[in-house]
Amino acid sequence: MTAPDSWKKSSYSGGGDGNACVEVATRHPRIAVRDSKHPSRTPLTFSAPAFAVFVGALKDGEGCPV
């Protein structure tokens, strides 16, 4: 996977400098996730369907679906 073009910071990054969160980028057909405190590290990547299930479970308060 080549480097994603546009990272989006989590809306739950909190106050202050806002660097204590995750960032997400789309690079078809994968979704990349990285730690905003360490953006130069290799991001984790997921298939779009797996990422959607994960985010849906978090929104529903179910925690990690693994």
PDB file of N, CA and C in Angstrom:
ATOM      1  N   MET A   1       0.849  -1.180   0.000  1.00  0.00           N
ATOM      2  CA  MET A   1       0.000   0.000   0.000  1.00  0.00           C
ATOM      3  C   MET A   1       0.888   1.234   0.000  1.00  0.00           C
ATOM      4  N   THR A   2       0.616   2.152  -0.852  1.00  0.00           N
ATOM      5  CA  THR A   2       1.345   3.407  -0.841  1.00  0.00           C
ATOM      6  C   THR A   2       0.783   4.307   0.241  1.00  0.00           C
ATOM      7  N   ALA A   3       1.504   5.342   0.589  1.00  0.00           N
ATOM      8  CA  ALA A   3       1.080   6.236   1.664  1.00  0.00           C
ATOM      9  C   ALA A   3      -0.244   6.908   1.312  1.00  0.00           C
ATOM     10  N   PRO A   4      -1.196   6.901   2.250  1.00  0.00           N
ATOM     11  CA  PRO A   4      -2.475   7.585   2.002  1.00  0.00           C
ATOM     12  C   PRO A   4      -2.255   9.083   1.816  1.00  0.00           C
ATOM     13  N   ASP A   5      -3.118   9.696   1.039  1.00  0.00           N
ATOM     14  CA  ASP A   5      -2.977  11.111   0.714  1.00  0.00           C
ATOM     15  C   ASP A   5      -3.509  12.041   1.796  1.00  0.00           C
ATOM     16  N   SER A   6      -4.587  11.678   2.442  1.00  0.00           N
ATOM     17  CA  SER A   6      -5.253  12.607   3.347  1.00  0.00           C
ATOM     18  C   SER A   6      -5.661  11.902   4.637  1.00  0.00           C
ATOM     19  N   TRP A   7      -5.031  12.285   5.719  1.00  0.00           N
ATOM     20  CA  TRP A   7      -5.363  11.714   7.025  1.00  0.00           C
ATOM     21  C   TRP A   7      -6.412  12.579   7.699  1.00  0.00           C
ATOM     22  N   LYS A   8      -7.390  11.931   8.346  1.00  0.00           N
ATOM     23  CA  LYS A   8      -8.441  12.647   9.086  1.00  0.00           C
ATOM     24  C   LYS A   8      -8.311  12.263  10.551  1.00  0.00           C
ATOM     25  N   LYS A   9      -8.234  13.278  11.399  1.00  0.00           N
ATOM     26  CA  LYS A   9      -8.079  13.058  12.830  1.00  0.00           C
ATOM     27  C   LYS A   9      -9.432  12.743  13.458  1.00  0.00           C
ATOM     28  N   SER A  10      -9.428  11.875  14.447  1.00  0.00           N
ATOM     29  CA  SER A  10     -10.639  11.517  15.168  1.00  0.00           C
ATOM     30  C   SER A  10     -11.300  12.753  15.768  1.00  0.00           C
ATOM     31  N   SER A  11     -12.618  12.784  15.737  1.00  0.00           N
ATOM     32  CA  SER A  11     -13.350  13.901  16.348  1.00  0.00           C
ATOM     33  C   SER A  11     -13.298  13.822  17.870  1.00  0.00           C
ATOM     34  N   TYR A  12     -12.805  12.733  18.417  1.00  0.00           N
ATOM     35  CA  TYR A  12     -12.690  12.553  19.860  1.00  0.00           C
ATOM     36  C   TYR A  12     -11.270  12.819  20.348  1.00  0.00           C
ATOM     37  N   SER A  13     -10.537  13.676  19.661  1.00  0.00           N
ATOM     38  CA  SER A  13      -9.146  13.915  20.035  1.00  0.00           C
ATOM     39  C   SER A  13      -8.998  14.735  21.302  1.00  0.00           C
ATOM     40  N   GLY A  14     -10.067  15.334  21.765  1.00  0.00           N
ATOM     41  CA  GLY A  14     -10.023  16.080  23.014  1.00  0.00           C
ATOM     42  C   GLY A  14      -9.421  17.464  22.863  1.00  0.00           C
ATOM     43  N   GLY A  15      -9.230  18.120  23.999  1.00  0.00           N
ATOM     44  CA  GLY A  15      -8.692  19.475  23.995  1.00  0.00           C
ATOM     45  C   GLY A  15      -7.187  19.490  23.865  1.00  0.00           C
ATOM     46  N   GLY A  16      -6.623  20.642  24.138  1.00  0.00           N
ATOM     47  CA  GLY A  16      -5.170  20.785  24.063  1.00  0.00           C
ATOM     48  C   GLY A  16      -4.678  20.719  22.641  1.00  0.00           C
ATOM     49  N   ASP A  17      -3.532  20.076  22.455  1.00  0.00           N
ATOM     50  CA  ASP A  17      -2.947  20.020  21.116  1.00  0.00           C
ATOM     51  C   ASP A  17      -3.618  18.994  20.221  1.00  0.00           C
ATOM     52  N   GLY A  18      -4.496  18.156  20.778  1.00  0.00           N
ATOM     53  CA  GLY A  18      -5.273  17.223  19.965  1.00  0.00           C
ATOM     54  C   GLY A  18      -4.481  16.126  19.307  1.00  0.00           C
ATOM     55  N   ASN A  19      -3.310  15.780  19.858  1.00  0.00           N
ATOM     56  CA  ASN A  19      -2.508  14.756  19.203  1.00  0.00           C
ATOM     57  C   ASN A  19      -2.603  13.395  19.879  1.00  0.00           C
ATOM     58  N   ALA A  20      -3.498  13.238  20.833  1.00  0.00           N
ATOM     59  CA  ALA A  20      -3.646  11.959  21.531  1.00  0.00           C
ATOM     60  C   ALA A  20      -4.833  11.193  20.949  1.00  0.00           C
ATOM     61  N   CYS A  21      -4.740  10.856  19.677  1.00  0.00           N
ATOM     62  CA  CYS A  21      -5.855  10.150  19.053  1.00  0.00           C
ATOM     63  C   CYS A  21      -5.355   9.369  17.843  1.00  0.00           C
ATOM     64  N   VAL A  22      -6.282   8.853  17.104  1.00  0.00           N
ATOM     65  CA  VAL A  22      -5.944   8.131  15.886  1.00  0.00           C
ATOM     66  C   VAL A  22      -6.337   8.960  14.677  1.00  0.00           C
ATOM     67  N   GLU A  23      -5.704   8.643  13.554  1.00  0.00           N
ATOM     68  CA  GLU A  23      -6.029   9.258  12.279  1.00  0.00           C
ATOM     69  C   GLU A  23      -6.354   8.136  11.296  1.00  0.00           C
ATOM     70  N   VAL A  24      -7.267   8.419  10.375  1.00  0.00           N
ATOM     71  CA  VAL A  24      -7.735   7.425   9.414  1.00  0.00           C
ATOM     72  C   VAL A  24      -7.597   7.999   8.010  1.00  0.00           C
ATOM     73  N   ALA A  25      -7.207   7.148   7.081  1.00  0.00           N
ATOM     74  CA  ALA A  25      -7.120   7.553   5.675  1.00  0.00           C
ATOM     75  C   ALA A  25      -7.608   6.405   4.806  1.00  0.00           C
ATOM     76  N   THR A  26      -8.200   6.753   3.689  1.00  0.00           N
ATOM     77  CA  THR A  26      -8.672   5.753   2.735  1.00  0.00           C
ATOM     78  C   THR A  26      -7.683   5.647   1.593  1.00  0.00           C
ATOM     79  N   ARG A  27      -7.295   4.427   1.314  1.00  0.00           N
ATOM     80  CA  ARG A  27      -6.474   4.140   0.138  1.00  0.00           C
ATOM     81  C   ARG A  27      -7.079   2.878  -0.464  1.00  0.00           C
ATOM     82  N   HIS A  28      -7.987   3.092  -1.403  1.00  0.00           N
ATOM     83  CA  HIS A  28      -8.762   1.999  -1.988  1.00  0.00           C
ATOM     84  C   HIS A  28      -7.861   0.810  -2.323  1.00  0.00           C
ATOM     85  N   PRO A  29      -8.197  -0.385  -1.926  1.00  0.00           N
ATOM     86  CA  PRO A  29      -9.422  -0.798  -1.249  1.00  0.00           C
ATOM     87  C   PRO A  29      -9.259  -0.949   0.269  1.00  0.00           C
ATOM     88  N   ARG A  30      -8.256  -0.329   0.857  1.00  0.00           N
ATOM     89  CA  ARG A  30      -7.972  -0.499   2.277  1.00  0.00           C
ATOM     90  C   ARG A  30      -8.233   0.794   3.049  1.00  0.00           C
ATOM     91  N   ILE A  31      -8.356   0.648   4.375  1.00  0.00           N
ATOM     92  CA  ILE A  31      -8.453   1.769   5.297  1.00  0.00           C
ATOM     93  C   ILE A  31      -7.202   1.714   6.164  1.00  0.00           C
ATOM     94  N   ALA A  32      -6.518   2.833   6.293  1.00  0.00           N
ATOM     95  CA  ALA A  32      -5.304   2.903   7.101  1.00  0.00           C
ATOM     96  C   ALA A  32      -5.594   3.669   8.390  1.00  0.00           C
ATOM     97  N   VAL A  33      -4.999   3.201   9.491  1.00  0.00           N
ATOM     98  CA  VAL A  33      -5.162   3.836  10.797  1.00  0.00           C
ATOM     99  C   VAL A  33      -3.779   4.021  11.395  1.00  0.00           C
ATOM    100  N   ARG A  34      -3.530   5.222  11.931  1.00  0.00           N
ATOM    101  CA  ARG A  34      -2.238   5.466  12.563  1.00  0.00           C
ATOM    102  C   ARG A  34      -2.409   6.254  13.854  1.00  0.00           C
ATOM    103  N   ASP A  35      -1.409   6.199  14.694  1.00  0.00           N
ATOM    104  CA  ASP A  35      -1.349   6.948  15.943  1.00  0.00           C
ATOM    105  C   ASP A  35      -0.882   8.357  15.609  1.00  0.00           C
ATOM    106  N   SER A  36      -1.667   9.362  15.965  1.00  0.00           N
ATOM    107  CA  SER A  36      -1.295  10.726  15.608  1.00  0.00           C
ATOM    108  C   SER A  36      -0.035  11.203  16.334  1.00  0.00           C
ATOM    109  N   LYS A  37       0.333  10.545  17.413  1.00  0.00           N
ATOM    110  CA  LYS A  37       1.557  10.907  18.132  1.00  0.00           C
ATOM    111  C   LYS A  37       2.801  10.374  17.416  1.00  0.00           C
ATOM    112  N   HIS A  38       2.617   9.364  16.572  1.00  0.00           N
ATOM    113  CA  HIS A  38       3.738   8.735  15.864  1.00  0.00           C
ATOM    114  C   HIS A  38       3.370   8.538  14.389  1.00  0.00           C
ATOM    115  N   PRO A  39       3.139   9.608  13.649  1.00  0.00           N
ATOM    116  CA  PRO A  39       2.659   9.473  12.269  1.00  0.00           C
ATOM    117  C   PRO A  39       3.655   8.833  11.303  1.00  0.00           C
ATOM    118  N   SER A  40       4.921   8.783  11.664  1.00  0.00           N
ATOM    119  CA  SER A  40       5.891   8.179  10.751  1.00  0.00           C
ATOM    120  C   SER A  40       5.943   6.656  10.855  1.00  0.00           C
ATOM    121  N   ARG A  41       5.324   6.104  11.880  1.00  0.00           N
ATOM    122  CA  ARG A  41       5.285   4.640  12.000  1.00  0.00           C
ATOM    123  C   ARG A  41       4.334   4.051  10.965  1.00  0.00           C
ATOM    124  N   THR A  42       4.532   2.802  10.653  1.00  0.00           N
ATOM    125  CA  THR A  42       3.690   2.114   9.675  1.00  0.00           C
ATOM    126  C   THR A  42       2.256   2.021  10.192  1.00  0.00           C
ATOM    127  N   PRO A  43       1.279   2.437   9.393  1.00  0.00           N
ATOM    128  CA  PRO A  43      -0.115   2.357   9.837  1.00  0.00           C
ATOM    129  C   PRO A  43      -0.641   0.923   9.762  1.00  0.00           C
ATOM    130  N   LEU A  44      -1.678   0.673  10.533  1.00  0.00           N
ATOM    131  CA  LEU A  44      -2.423  -0.578  10.411  1.00  0.00           C
ATOM    132  C   LEU A  44      -3.374  -0.409   9.241  1.00  0.00           C
ATOM    133  N   THR A  45      -3.626  -1.470   8.493  1.00  0.00           N
ATOM    134  CA  THR A  45      -4.575  -1.383   7.387  1.00  0.00           C
ATOM    135  C   THR A  45      -5.625  -2.483   7.519  1.00  0.00           C
ATOM    136  N   PHE A  46      -6.819  -2.160   7.068  1.00  0.00           N
ATOM    137  CA  PHE A  46      -7.964  -3.058   7.158  1.00  0.00           C
ATOM    138  C   PHE A  46      -8.732  -3.009   5.853  1.00  0.00           C
ATOM    139  N   SER A  47      -9.442  -4.085   5.554  1.00  0.00           N
ATOM    140  CA  SER A  47     -10.374  -4.026   4.434  1.00  0.00           C
ATOM    141  C   SER A  47     -11.506  -3.089   4.837  1.00  0.00           C
ATOM    142  N   ALA A  48     -12.142  -2.462   3.868  1.00  0.00           N
ATOM    143  CA  ALA A  48     -13.240  -1.548   4.173  1.00  0.00           C
ATOM    144  C   ALA A  48     -14.373  -2.245   4.934  1.00  0.00           C
ATOM    145  N   PRO A  49     -14.791  -3.470   4.535  1.00  0.00           N
ATOM    146  CA  PRO A  49     -15.861  -4.131   5.287  1.00  0.00           C
ATOM    147  C   PRO A  49     -15.478  -4.426   6.743  1.00  0.00           C
ATOM    148  N   ALA A  50     -14.251  -4.865   6.978  1.00  0.00           N
ATOM    149  CA  ALA A  50     -13.823  -5.156   8.353  1.00  0.00           C
ATOM    150  C   ALA A  50     -13.782  -3.885   9.191  1.00  0.00           C
ATOM    151  N   PHE A  51     -13.334  -2.787   8.602  1.00  0.00           N
ATOM    152  CA  PHE A  51     -13.279  -1.519   9.325  1.00  0.00           C
ATOM    153  C   PHE A  51     -14.686  -1.032   9.649  1.00  0.00           C
ATOM    154  N   ALA A  52     -15.621  -1.203   8.726  1.00  0.00           N
ATOM    155  CA  ALA A  52     -17.010  -0.786   8.959  1.00  0.00           C
ATOM    156  C   ALA A  52     -17.639  -1.568  10.107  1.00  0.00           C
ATOM    157  N   VAL A  53     -17.383  -2.862  10.176  1.00  0.00           N
ATOM    158  CA  VAL A  53     -17.902  -3.682  11.279  1.00  0.00           C
ATOM    159  C   VAL A  53     -17.308  -3.212  12.605  1.00  0.00           C
ATOM    160  N   PHE A  54     -16.019  -2.957  12.623  1.00  0.00           N
ATOM    161  CA  PHE A  54     -15.336  -2.495  13.832  1.00  0.00           C
ATOM    162  C   PHE A  54     -15.911  -1.164  14.316  1.00  0.00           C
ATOM    163  N   VAL A  55     -16.016  -0.178  13.420  1.00  0.00           N
ATOM    164  CA  VAL A  55     -16.543   1.137  13.805  1.00  0.00           C
ATOM    165  C   VAL A  55     -18.004   1.026  14.235  1.00  0.00           C
ATOM    166  N   GLY A  56     -18.787   0.213  13.540  1.00  0.00           N
ATOM    167  CA  GLY A  56     -20.191   0.018  13.923  1.00  0.00           C
ATOM    168  C   GLY A  56     -20.329  -0.554  15.316  1.00  0.00           C
ATOM    169  N   ALA A  57     -19.488  -1.504  15.666  1.00  0.00           N
ATOM    170  CA  ALA A  57     -19.534  -2.100  16.999  1.00  0.00           C
ATOM    171  C   ALA A  57     -19.149  -1.074  18.063  1.00  0.00           C
ATOM    172  N   LEU A  58     -18.184  -0.235  17.774  1.00  0.00           N
ATOM    173  CA  LEU A  58     -17.802   0.809  18.727  1.00  0.00           C
ATOM    174  C   LEU A  58     -18.926   1.820  18.922  1.00  0.00           C
ATOM    175  N   LYS A  59     -19.585   2.201  17.835  1.00  0.00           N
ATOM    176  CA  LYS A  59     -20.700   3.152  17.921  1.00  0.00           C
ATOM    177  C   LYS A  59     -21.854   2.578  18.720  1.00  0.00           C
ATOM    178  N   ASP A  60     -22.058   1.263  18.608  1.00  0.00           N
ATOM    179  CA  ASP A  60     -23.159   0.607  19.326  1.00  0.00           C
ATOM    180  C   ASP A  60     -22.796   0.299  20.773  1.00  0.00           C
ATOM    181  N   GLY A  61     -21.575   0.635  21.181  1.00  0.00           N
ATOM    182  CA  GLY A  61     -21.151   0.382  22.558  1.00  0.00           C
ATOM    183  C   GLY A  61     -20.790  -1.063  22.842  1.00  0.00           C
ATOM    184  N   GLU A  62     -20.540  -1.841  21.805  1.00  0.00           N
ATOM    185  CA  GLU A  62     -20.223  -3.247  21.980  1.00  0.00           C
ATOM    186  C   GLU A  62     -18.745  -3.502  22.238  1.00  0.00           C
ATOM    187  N   GLY A  63     -17.908  -2.485  22.064  1.00  0.00           N
ATOM    188  CA  GLY A  63     -16.472  -2.694  22.206  1.00  0.00           C
ATOM    189  C   GLY A  63     -15.918  -3.339  20.962  1.00  0.00           C
ATOM    190  N   CYS A  64     -14.754  -3.898  21.102  1.00  0.00           N
ATOM    191  CA  CYS A  64     -14.076  -4.508  19.967  1.00  0.00           C
ATOM    192  C   CYS A  64     -14.777  -5.801  19.562  1.00  0.00           C
ATOM    193  N   PRO A  65     -15.125  -5.960  18.270  1.00  0.00           N
ATOM    194  CA  PRO A  65     -15.850  -7.146  17.820  1.00  0.00           C
ATOM    195  C   PRO A  65     -14.983  -8.373  17.624  1.00  0.00           C
ATOM    196  N   VAL A  66     -13.732  -8.336  18.036  1.00  0.00           N
ATOM    197  CA  VAL A  66     -12.833  -9.468  17.835  1.00  0.00           C
ATOM    198  C   VAL A  66     -13.026 -10.494  18.930  1.00  0.00           C
TER     199      VAL A  66
END
